[in-house]
Amino acid sequence: MAKKQTAKHEVKKERKQEAKEQRAHEKRRAEQRNVALRIGLYATLSAVVLVSAYWAYGKITEKVPWTSVPILESPHIPLGTAHPPYNSDPPTSGPHTDDLAIWGVHNEPIPKEMQLHNLEDGGVVINYSCRDCPDLVERLKAIVGRYDRVVLAPYPGLDRNIALTAWGKIDKFDEFDETRIVKFIKAHIGIDHHRSGG
């Protein structure tokens, strides 16, 4: 009888030990899963941070076709008033009128002093200088029609066929390039410049 009780006691002891080992094993596995999950989470976060940093660096260092022009003193003046010369043609800052050109398509040139107020108010002006170029004008009109703060107008004497202007920015070229035009508009439209010299 004593042998049976000892054997039972040994079996119980072994079962307790096995149960204890099983719990310890499960605990180790749970800890390993947690470590693996943490490593996966950290790896994912690191990848997101790296991709975001790479994208941001690309945007910061991205070459753009337009040129930055120093901002001139930009007081409001009556149209026709003499003022210092502008530092770009078409101008991108400087003395300008209180009046805005109507947003959209114009068939007549817009005074430089009026264009500048549109730029100061976060607009983009597209000037063109070509004779007998209805296809170009129609393509430019199609782009202008997509935005509410863009002006299109002829500009006699322009040294290139197309000039894009925004406050302190200019891009001039000869061949129609929708991607280039849209990129310029998206980069500059809607930024109010009244605090930067206006």
C-alpha atoms as a PDB file:
ATOM      1  CA  MET A   1       0.000   0.000   0.000  1.00  0.00           C
ATOM      2  CA  ALA A   2       2.822   2.305   0.871  1.00  0.00           C
ATOM      3  CA  LYS A   3       4.352   1.533  -2.524  1.00  0.00           C
ATOM      4  CA  LYS A   4       1.090   2.461  -4.264  1.00  0.00           C
ATOM      5  CA  GLN A   5       0.871   5.739  -2.400  1.00  0.00           C
ATOM      6  CA  THR A   6       4.488   6.502  -3.150  1.00  0.00           C
ATOM      7  CA  ALA A   7       3.892   5.683  -6.812  1.00  0.00           C
ATOM      8  CA  LYS A   8       0.779   7.900  -6.862  1.00  0.00           C
ATOM      9  CA  HIS A   9       2.708  10.603  -5.117  1.00  0.00           C
ATOM     10  CA  GLU A  10       5.501  10.278  -7.689  1.00  0.00           C
ATOM     11  CA  VAL A  11       2.988  10.415 -10.565  1.00  0.00           C
ATOM     12  CA  LYS A  12       1.389  13.532  -9.049  1.00  0.00           C
ATOM     13  CA  LYS A  13       4.804  15.047  -8.561  1.00  0.00           C
ATOM     14  CA  GLU A  14       5.734  14.258 -12.193  1.00  0.00           C
ATOM     15  CA  ARG A  15       2.439  15.702 -13.472  1.00  0.00           C
ATOM     16  CA  LYS A  16       2.992  18.851 -11.412  1.00  0.00           C
ATOM     17  CA  GLN A  17       6.514  19.092 -12.775  1.00  0.00           C
ATOM     18  CA  GLU A  18       5.275  18.537 -16.351  1.00  0.00           C
ATOM     19  CA  ALA A  19       2.542  21.122 -15.864  1.00  0.00           C
ATOM     20  CA  LYS A  20       5.120  23.526 -14.450  1.00  0.00           C
ATOM     21  CA  GLU A  21       7.443  22.895 -17.377  1.00  0.00           C
ATOM     22  CA  GLN A  22       4.522  23.270 -19.823  1.00  0.00           C
ATOM     23  CA  ARG A  23       3.595  26.637 -18.285  1.00  0.00           C
ATOM     24  CA  ALA A  24       7.212  27.742 -18.426  1.00  0.00           C
ATOM     25  CA  HIS A  25       7.437  26.608 -22.050  1.00  0.00           C
ATOM     26  CA  GLU A  26       4.213  28.461 -22.947  1.00  0.00           C
ATOM     27  CA  LYS A  27       5.477  31.540 -21.145  1.00  0.00           C
ATOM     28  CA  ARG A  28       8.758  31.423 -23.124  1.00  0.00           C
ATOM     29  CA  ARG A  29       6.810  30.999 -26.383  1.00  0.00           C
ATOM     30  CA  ALA A  30       4.542  33.932 -25.494  1.00  0.00           C
ATOM     31  CA  GLU A  31       7.598  36.065 -24.709  1.00  0.00           C
ATOM     32  CA  GLN A  32       9.197  35.029 -28.017  1.00  0.00           C
ATOM     33  CA  ARG A  33       5.993  35.935 -29.889  1.00  0.00           C
ATOM     34  CA  ASN A  34       5.919  39.321 -28.123  1.00  0.00           C
ATOM     35  CA  VAL A  35       9.570  39.933 -29.019  1.00  0.00           C
ATOM     36  CA  ALA A  36       8.892  38.927 -32.638  1.00  0.00           C
ATOM     37  CA  LEU A  37       5.859  41.227 -32.748  1.00  0.00           C
ATOM     38  CA  ARG A  38       7.874  44.108 -31.294  1.00  0.00           C
ATOM     39  CA  ILE A  39      10.686  43.519 -33.771  1.00  0.00           C
ATOM     40  CA  GLY A  40       8.162  43.418 -36.628  1.00  0.00           C
ATOM     41  CA  LEU A  41       6.512  46.608 -35.386  1.00  0.00           C
ATOM     42  CA  TYR A  42       9.864  48.384 -35.029  1.00  0.00           C
ATOM     43  CA  ALA A  43      10.931  47.182 -38.465  1.00  0.00           C
ATOM     44  CA  THR A  44       7.676  48.427 -40.002  1.00  0.00           C
ATOM     45  CA  LEU A  45       7.939  51.794 -38.245  1.00  0.00           C
ATOM     46  CA  SER A  46      11.567  52.100 -39.319  1.00  0.00           C
ATOM     47  CA  ALA A  47      10.628  51.332 -42.918  1.00  0.00           C
ATOM     48  CA  VAL A  48       7.838  53.936 -42.837  1.00  0.00           C
ATOM     49  CA  VAL A  49      10.196  56.540 -41.365  1.00  0.00           C
ATOM     50  CA  LEU A  50      12.892  55.750 -43.940  1.00  0.00           C
ATOM     51  CA  VAL A  51      10.476  55.878 -46.870  1.00  0.00           C
ATOM     52  CA  SER A  52       8.987  59.147 -45.569  1.00  0.00           C
ATOM     53  CA  ALA A  53      12.431  60.658 -45.079  1.00  0.00           C
ATOM     54  CA  TYR A  54      13.501  59.549 -48.553  1.00  0.00           C
ATOM     55  CA  TRP A  55      10.341  61.051 -50.060  1.00  0.00           C
ATOM     56  CA  ALA A  56      10.789  64.322 -48.126  1.00  0.00           C
ATOM     57  CA  TYR A  57      14.456  64.525 -49.099  1.00  0.00           C
ATOM     58  CA  GLY A  58      13.461  63.983 -52.724  1.00  0.00           C
ATOM     59  CA  LYS A  59      10.911  66.782 -52.510  1.00  0.00           C
ATOM     60  CA  ILE A  60      13.376  69.135 -50.826  1.00  0.00           C
ATOM     61  CA  THR A  61      16.154  68.454 -53.329  1.00  0.00           C
ATOM     62  CA  GLU A  62      13.897  68.079 -56.361  1.00  0.00           C
ATOM     63  CA  LYS A  63      15.039  70.196 -59.255  1.00  0.00           C
ATOM     64  CA  VAL A  64      12.375  72.577 -60.453  1.00  0.00           C
ATOM     65  CA  PRO A  65      12.385  74.442 -63.752  1.00  0.00           C
ATOM     66  CA  TRP A  66      11.359  77.781 -62.295  1.00  0.00           C
ATOM     67  CA  THR A  67      13.612  80.506 -60.932  1.00  0.00           C
ATOM     68  CA  SER A  68      13.285  82.371 -57.655  1.00  0.00           C
ATOM     69  CA  VAL A  69      13.431  86.137 -58.004  1.00  0.00           C
ATOM     70  CA  PRO A  70      14.294  88.450 -55.069  1.00  0.00           C
ATOM     71  CA  ILE A  71      11.188  90.108 -53.616  1.00  0.00           C
ATOM     72  CA  LEU A  72      11.048  93.854 -54.209  1.00  0.00           C
ATOM     73  CA  GLU A  73       9.363  96.469 -52.049  1.00  0.00           C
ATOM     74  CA  SER A  74       5.750  96.118 -53.108  1.00  0.00           C
ATOM     75  CA  PRO A  75       3.642  99.136 -52.167  1.00  0.00           C
ATOM     76  CA  HIS A  76       0.208  99.769 -53.638  1.00  0.00           C
ATOM     77  CA  ILE A  77       0.264 102.529 -56.245  1.00  0.00           C
ATOM     78  CA  PRO A  78      -2.277 104.007 -58.658  1.00  0.00           C
ATOM     79  CA  LEU A  79      -2.106 102.535 -62.160  1.00  0.00           C
ATOM     80  CA  GLY A  80       0.179 104.652 -64.348  1.00  0.00           C
ATOM     81  CA  THR A  81       2.322 105.926 -61.466  1.00  0.00           C
ATOM     82  CA  ALA A  82       6.080 105.923 -62.126  1.00  0.00           C
ATOM     83  CA  HIS A  83       8.006 103.402 -60.032  1.00  0.00           C
ATOM     84  CA  PRO A  84      11.420 101.671 -59.943  1.00  0.00           C
ATOM     85  CA  PRO A  85      11.939  98.984 -62.598  1.00  0.00           C
ATOM     86  CA  TYR A  86      10.963  95.396 -61.914  1.00  0.00           C
ATOM     87  CA  ASN A  87      13.664  92.741 -61.582  1.00  0.00           C
ATOM     88  CA  SER A  88      12.015  90.245 -63.937  1.00  0.00           C
ATOM     89  CA  ASP A  89       9.872  90.357 -67.059  1.00  0.00           C
ATOM     90  CA  PRO A  90       7.043  89.604 -66.483  1.00  0.00           C
ATOM     91  CA  PRO A  91       7.400  90.909 -62.919  1.00  0.00           C
ATOM     92  CA  THR A  92       7.030  88.713 -59.856  1.00  0.00           C
ATOM     93  CA  SER A  93       6.957  91.392 -57.126  1.00  0.00           C
ATOM     94  CA  GLY A  94       7.159  95.156 -56.804  1.00  0.00           C
ATOM     95  CA  PRO A  95       4.839  98.165 -56.872  1.00  0.00           C
ATOM     96  CA  HIS A  96       1.307  97.227 -57.863  1.00  0.00           C
ATOM     97  CA  THR A  97      -2.269  98.477 -57.980  1.00  0.00           C
ATOM     98  CA  ASP A  98      -5.050  97.950 -55.472  1.00  0.00           C
ATOM     99  CA  ASP A  99      -7.077  96.372 -58.278  1.00  0.00           C
ATOM    100  CA  LEU A 100      -7.028  92.718 -59.276  1.00  0.00           C
ATOM    101  CA  ALA A 101      -7.323  91.410 -62.798  1.00  0.00           C
ATOM    102  CA  ILE A 102     -10.376  89.177 -63.110  1.00  0.00           C
ATOM    103  CA  TRP A 103      -9.331  85.552 -62.649  1.00  0.00           C
ATOM    104  CA  GLY A 104      -9.504  83.501 -65.825  1.00  0.00           C
ATOM    105  CA  VAL A 105      -8.871  84.112 -69.513  1.00  0.00           C
ATOM    106  CA  HIS A 106      -8.153  87.559 -70.961  1.00  0.00           C
ATOM    107  CA  ASN A 107      -7.874  88.439 -74.640  1.00  0.00           C
ATOM    108  CA  GLU A 108      -6.015  91.699 -73.989  1.00  0.00           C
ATOM    109  CA  PRO A 109      -2.745  92.276 -72.109  1.00  0.00           C
ATOM    110  CA  ILE A 110      -3.044  93.036 -68.394  1.00  0.00           C
ATOM    111  CA  PRO A 111      -0.936  95.866 -66.937  1.00  0.00           C
ATOM    112  CA  LYS A 112       2.055  94.524 -65.035  1.00  0.00           C
ATOM    113  CA  GLU A 113       1.040  96.472 -61.928  1.00  0.00           C
ATOM    114  CA  MET A 114      -2.332  94.736 -61.917  1.00  0.00           C
ATOM    115  CA  GLN A 115      -0.897  91.236 -62.535  1.00  0.00           C
ATOM    116  CA  LEU A 116       1.255  91.677 -59.447  1.00  0.00           C
ATOM    117  CA  HIS A 117      -1.736  92.153 -57.169  1.00  0.00           C
ATOM    118  CA  ASN A 118      -3.079  88.816 -58.421  1.00  0.00           C
ATOM    119  CA  LEU A 119       0.277  87.204 -57.595  1.00  0.00           C
ATOM    120  CA  GLU A 120       0.330  88.799 -54.154  1.00  0.00           C
ATOM    121  CA  ASP A 121      -3.112  87.334 -53.485  1.00  0.00           C
ATOM    122  CA  GLY A 122      -1.836  83.812 -54.162  1.00  0.00           C
ATOM    123  CA  GLY A 123      -2.529  83.646 -57.859  1.00  0.00           C
ATOM    124  CA  VAL A 124      -0.562  82.437 -60.841  1.00  0.00           C
ATOM    125  CA  VAL A 125      -0.375  84.368 -64.108  1.00  0.00           C
ATOM    126  CA  ILE A 126       0.260  82.654 -67.425  1.00  0.00           C
ATOM    127  CA  ASN A 127       1.366  85.070 -70.124  1.00  0.00           C
ATOM    128  CA  TYR A 128       1.930  84.087 -73.733  1.00  0.00           C
ATOM    129  CA  SER A 129       3.505  85.836 -76.679  1.00  0.00           C
ATOM    130  CA  CYS A 130       2.965  84.225 -80.013  1.00  0.00           C
ATOM    131  CA  ARG A 131       1.286  85.218 -83.233  1.00  0.00           C
ATOM    132  CA  ASP A 132      -1.282  83.003 -84.804  1.00  0.00           C
ATOM    133  CA  CYS A 133      -1.100  80.267 -82.156  1.00  0.00           C
ATOM    134  CA  PRO A 134      -4.746  79.374 -81.463  1.00  0.00           C
ATOM    135  CA  ASP A 135      -3.876  75.765 -80.561  1.00  0.00           C
ATOM    136  CA  LEU A 136      -1.467  76.898 -77.834  1.00  0.00           C
ATOM    137  CA  VAL A 137      -3.985  79.387 -76.455  1.00  0.00           C
ATOM    138  CA  GLU A 138      -6.748  76.752 -76.385  1.00  0.00           C
ATOM    139  CA  ARG A 139      -4.505  74.315 -74.529  1.00  0.00           C
ATOM    140  CA  LEU A 140      -3.574  77.009 -72.008  1.00  0.00           C
ATOM    141  CA  LYS A 141      -7.253  77.943 -71.580  1.00  0.00           C
ATOM    142  CA  ALA A 142      -8.075  74.307 -70.793  1.00  0.00           C
ATOM    143  CA  ILE A 143      -5.556  74.334 -67.939  1.00  0.00           C
ATOM    144  CA  VAL A 144      -6.642  77.734 -66.614  1.00  0.00           C
ATOM    145  CA  GLY A 145     -10.257  76.538 -66.522  1.00  0.00           C
ATOM    146  CA  ARG A 146      -9.359  73.986 -63.830  1.00  0.00           C
ATOM    147  CA  TYR A 147      -8.285  76.597 -61.261  1.00  0.00           C
ATOM    148  CA  ASP A 148      -9.929  79.578 -59.592  1.00  0.00           C
ATOM    149  CA  ARG A 149      -6.828  81.752 -59.019  1.00  0.00           C
ATOM    150  CA  VAL A 150      -5.089  81.685 -62.390  1.00  0.00           C
ATOM    151  CA  VAL A 151      -4.977  84.379 -65.060  1.00  0.00           C
ATOM    152  CA  LEU A 152      -4.157  83.835 -68.742  1.00  0.00           C
ATOM    153  CA  ALA A 153      -3.332  86.825 -70.942  1.00  0.00           C
ATOM    154  CA  PRO A 154      -1.263  87.824 -73.964  1.00  0.00           C
ATOM    155  CA  TYR A 155       1.994  89.650 -73.187  1.00  0.00           C
ATOM    156  CA  PRO A 156       3.479  91.540 -76.143  1.00  0.00           C
ATOM    157  CA  GLY A 157       7.265  91.610 -76.219  1.00  0.00           C
ATOM    158  CA  LEU A 158       7.759  88.506 -74.096  1.00  0.00           C
ATOM    159  CA  ASP A 159      11.092  86.864 -74.986  1.00  0.00           C
ATOM    160  CA  ARG A 160       9.615  83.336 -74.850  1.00  0.00           C
ATOM    161  CA  ASN A 161       6.249  81.903 -75.925  1.00  0.00           C
ATOM    162  CA  ILE A 162       5.044  81.148 -72.381  1.00  0.00           C
ATOM    163  CA  ALA A 163       5.809  82.732 -69.004  1.00  0.00           C
ATOM    164  CA  LEU A 164       4.468  81.450 -65.700  1.00  0.00           C
ATOM    165  CA  THR A 165       4.665  83.826 -62.760  1.00  0.00           C
ATOM    166  CA  ALA A 166       3.906  83.576 -59.069  1.00  0.00           C
ATOM    167  CA  TRP A 167       5.073  85.805 -56.218  1.00  0.00           C
ATOM    168  CA  GLY A 168       8.879  85.695 -56.436  1.00  0.00           C
ATOM    169  CA  LYS A 169       8.876  82.857 -59.029  1.00  0.00           C
ATOM    170  CA  ILE A 170       9.117  82.740 -62.814  1.00  0.00           C
ATOM    171  CA  ASP A 171       9.371  80.059 -65.485  1.00  0.00           C
ATOM    172  CA  LYS A 172       9.674  80.839 -69.199  1.00  0.00           C
ATOM    173  CA  PHE A 173       9.741  78.385 -72.115  1.00  0.00           C
ATOM    174  CA  ASP A 174       8.642  78.002 -75.728  1.00  0.00           C
ATOM    175  CA  GLU A 175       6.888  74.638 -76.101  1.00  0.00           C
ATOM    176  CA  PHE A 176       3.609  73.743 -74.399  1.00  0.00           C
ATOM    177  CA  ASP A 177       4.285  71.437 -71.430  1.00  0.00           C
ATOM    178  CA  GLU A 178       1.154  70.636 -69.420  1.00  0.00           C
ATOM    179  CA  THR A 179       3.036  68.767 -66.690  1.00  0.00           C
ATOM    180  CA  ARG A 180       5.388  71.713 -66.160  1.00  0.00           C
ATOM    181  CA  ILE A 181       2.543  74.238 -66.087  1.00  0.00           C
ATOM    182  CA  VAL A 182       0.388  72.213 -63.675  1.00  0.00           C
ATOM    183  CA  LYS A 183       3.371  71.578 -61.387  1.00  0.00           C
ATOM    184  CA  PHE A 184       4.068  75.329 -61.236  1.00  0.00           C
ATOM    185  CA  ILE A 185       0.432  76.156 -60.504  1.00  0.00           C
ATOM    186  CA  LYS A 186       0.115  73.508 -57.775  1.00  0.00           C
ATOM    187  CA  ALA A 187       3.354  74.656 -56.132  1.00  0.00           C
ATOM    188  CA  HIS A 188       2.353  78.321 -55.919  1.00  0.00           C
ATOM    189  CA  ILE A 189      -1.409  78.790 -56.034  1.00  0.00           C
ATOM    190  CA  GLY A 190      -3.295  79.944 -52.955  1.00  0.00           C
ATOM    191  CA  ILE A 191      -0.349  81.330 -50.948  1.00  0.00           C
ATOM    192  CA  ASP A 192      -1.114  84.821 -49.639  1.00  0.00           C
ATOM    193  CA  HIS A 193       1.976  87.040 -49.863  1.00  0.00           C
ATOM    194  CA  HIS A 194       0.782  90.228 -48.163  1.00  0.00           C
ATOM    195  CA  ARG A 195       3.318  89.778 -45.367  1.00  0.00           C
ATOM    196  CA  SER A 196       6.290  89.390 -47.729  1.00  0.00           C
ATOM    197  CA  GLY A 197       6.632  92.958 -48.943  1.00  0.00           C
ATOM    198  CA  GLY A 198       3.120  93.665 -50.229  1.00  0.00           C
END
